[in-house]
Amino acid sequence: MKLSDETIKEIAELLDSGMDCFYNPSLSTIEYHPDIEDPNFEPEFWIDTLDKIDSERDKYVRFEKMCSNERFRVMENFIHSLEDSDLKNQLYSGISKPKPFGNFKNLIARSDYRKDWFDFKDAAYFEFVKNQAELND
């Protein structure tokens, strides 16, 4: 399935923010809602979207979020791309301890590379969604 860069970017951002994302190729529309398995999910706010997707399930392509292993690999790839050896060592140390995602987030938030991280992660998610679209051709 061929998607515009803008559509890929929008789906990637929705998935990264924790949404379940569905694309209707015939209408070129995106439908989304929070993960229904999330204990904080409030279905009453999303009933119209849920009904629409459920009633027309065969018209939608579901885009999957990155699993934790894939998100971890993105962090590792970012760390590997850094030239700042001190930060590199801190980040490698942080992700090798319990709660690697939180450790990484805290360390990168206090660094000069915060924007670089978000740009890197956005690009990785863009490619992740693009690959899913190509598999649905």
Protein backbone atom coordinates (compact mmCIF):
# COMPACT_ATOMS: atom_id res chain seq x y z
CA MET A 1 0.00 0.00 0.00
CA LYS A 2 1.44 3.32 -1.05
CA LEU A 3 1.06 6.05 1.57
CA SER A 4 2.16 9.66 1.43
CA ASP A 5 4.97 10.73 3.73
CA GLU A 6 2.46 12.90 5.61
CA THR A 7 0.18 9.90 6.23
CA ILE A 8 3.10 7.73 7.33
CA LYS A 9 4.25 10.48 9.69
CA GLU A 10 0.77 10.89 11.16
CA ILE A 11 0.36 7.14 11.74
CA ALA A 12 3.87 6.95 13.25
CA GLU A 13 3.09 9.80 15.66
CA LEU A 14 -0.21 8.21 16.69
CA LEU A 15 1.42 4.84 17.32
CA ASP A 16 4.27 6.43 19.24
CA SER A 17 1.76 8.21 21.45
CA GLY A 18 0.15 4.86 22.32
CA MET A 19 -2.83 4.87 19.99
CA ASP A 20 -4.20 1.88 18.09
CA CYS A 21 -4.23 3.00 14.47
CA PHE A 22 -6.29 1.87 11.47
CA TYR A 23 -6.07 3.05 7.86
CA ASN A 24 -8.84 2.83 5.28
CA PRO A 25 -7.08 2.63 1.89
CA SER A 26 -10.22 3.21 -0.17
CA LEU A 27 -10.99 6.48 1.66
CA SER A 28 -7.39 7.38 2.60
CA THR A 29 -8.52 7.99 6.18
CA ILE A 30 -7.01 7.19 9.54
CA GLU A 31 -9.02 6.12 12.57
CA TYR A 32 -7.44 5.71 15.99
CA HIS A 33 -8.19 5.22 19.65
CA PRO A 34 -6.25 4.49 22.83
CA ASP A 35 -5.30 0.90 23.57
CA ILE A 36 -8.45 -0.80 24.85
CA GLU A 37 -6.30 -2.99 27.12
CA ASP A 38 -5.01 0.07 28.97
CA PRO A 39 -6.57 0.16 32.44
CA ASN A 40 -7.16 3.91 32.02
CA PHE A 41 -9.04 3.47 28.73
CA GLU A 42 -12.43 5.19 28.84
CA PRO A 43 -14.52 3.64 26.05
CA GLU A 44 -17.38 6.12 26.34
CA PHE A 45 -15.18 8.77 24.72
CA TRP A 46 -14.32 6.52 21.78
CA ILE A 47 -17.58 4.62 21.16
CA ASP A 48 -18.20 6.14 17.70
CA THR A 49 -14.69 5.32 16.51
CA LEU A 50 -14.78 1.82 17.98
CA ASP A 51 -18.16 1.11 16.36
CA LYS A 52 -17.00 2.46 13.01
CA ILE A 53 -13.87 0.30 12.97
CA ASP A 54 -15.70 -2.80 14.24
CA SER A 55 -18.53 -2.50 11.71
CA GLU A 56 -16.11 -2.06 8.79
CA ARG A 57 -13.16 -4.15 10.01
CA ASP A 58 -12.46 -5.56 6.53
CA LYS A 59 -11.97 -2.04 5.12
CA TYR A 60 -9.15 -1.16 7.50
CA VAL A 61 -5.50 -2.04 7.75
CA ARG A 62 -4.26 -2.06 11.33
CA PHE A 63 -0.83 -0.62 12.00
CA GLU A 64 1.07 -2.20 14.88
CA LYS A 65 3.10 -0.37 17.51
CA MET A 66 6.71 -1.25 18.09
CA CYS A 67 7.11 -3.98 20.68
CA SER A 68 9.45 -3.31 23.59
CA ASN A 69 12.31 -5.19 21.89
CA GLU A 70 12.01 -2.98 18.83
CA ARG A 71 11.86 0.20 20.93
CA PHE A 72 14.91 -1.02 22.87
CA ARG A 73 16.78 -1.60 19.61
CA VAL A 74 16.00 1.99 18.53
CA MET A 75 17.53 3.25 21.80
CA GLU A 76 20.61 1.09 21.25
CA ASN A 77 20.99 2.32 17.67
CA PHE A 78 20.74 5.93 18.85
CA ILE A 79 23.35 5.37 21.54
CA HIS A 80 25.62 3.72 19.00
CA SER A 81 25.27 6.76 16.71
CA LEU A 82 26.52 9.19 19.38
CA GLU A 83 30.03 10.56 19.34
CA ASP A 84 29.90 11.81 22.95
CA SER A 85 31.57 8.87 24.71
CA ASP A 86 30.61 10.03 28.22
CA LEU A 87 26.91 10.18 27.37
CA LYS A 88 27.22 6.97 25.38
CA ASN A 89 28.61 5.18 28.44
CA GLN A 90 25.95 6.65 30.73
CA LEU A 91 23.17 5.59 28.38
CA TYR A 92 24.56 2.08 27.88
CA SER A 93 24.82 1.77 31.64
CA GLY A 94 21.28 3.08 32.10
CA ILE A 95 19.70 0.65 29.66
CA SER A 96 21.54 -2.31 31.18
CA LYS A 97 19.82 -1.77 34.55
CA PRO A 98 16.23 -2.44 35.59
CA LYS A 99 13.74 -0.01 34.01
CA PRO A 100 15.89 0.70 30.94
CA PHE A 101 13.28 2.90 29.22
CA GLY A 102 12.88 5.17 32.23
CA ASN A 103 16.63 5.34 32.77
CA PHE A 104 17.19 6.27 29.14
CA LYS A 105 14.44 8.88 29.22
CA ASN A 106 15.86 10.54 32.35
CA LEU A 107 19.41 10.58 31.05
CA ILE A 108 18.53 11.89 27.59
CA ALA A 109 16.22 14.57 29.03
CA ARG A 110 19.15 16.08 30.93
CA SER A 111 21.48 16.01 27.94
CA ASP A 112 22.16 18.27 24.99
CA TYR A 113 20.98 15.43 22.72
CA ARG A 114 17.28 15.44 23.63
CA LYS A 115 16.16 16.87 20.27
CA ASP A 116 18.53 14.51 18.42
CA TRP A 117 16.90 11.59 20.22
CA PHE A 118 13.39 12.67 19.26
CA ASP A 119 14.44 13.19 15.63
CA PHE A 120 16.11 9.75 15.60
CA LYS A 121 13.10 8.04 17.19
CA ASP A 122 10.67 9.79 14.81
CA ALA A 123 12.72 8.63 11.81
CA ALA A 124 12.80 5.05 13.16
CA TYR A 125 9.03 5.03 13.67
CA PHE A 126 8.52 6.51 10.19
CA GLU A 127 10.49 3.62 8.66
CA PHE A 128 8.66 1.13 10.87
CA VAL A 129 5.27 2.33 9.57
CA LYS A 130 6.52 2.59 5.99
CA ASN A 131 7.65 -1.05 6.14
CA GLN A 132 4.24 -2.14 7.44
CA ALA A 133 2.54 -0.28 4.59
CA GLU A 134 4.79 -1.96 2.03
CA LEU A 135 4.00 -5.38 3.50
CA ASN A 136 0.29 -4.63 2.98
CA ASP A 137 0.72 -4.08 -0.76
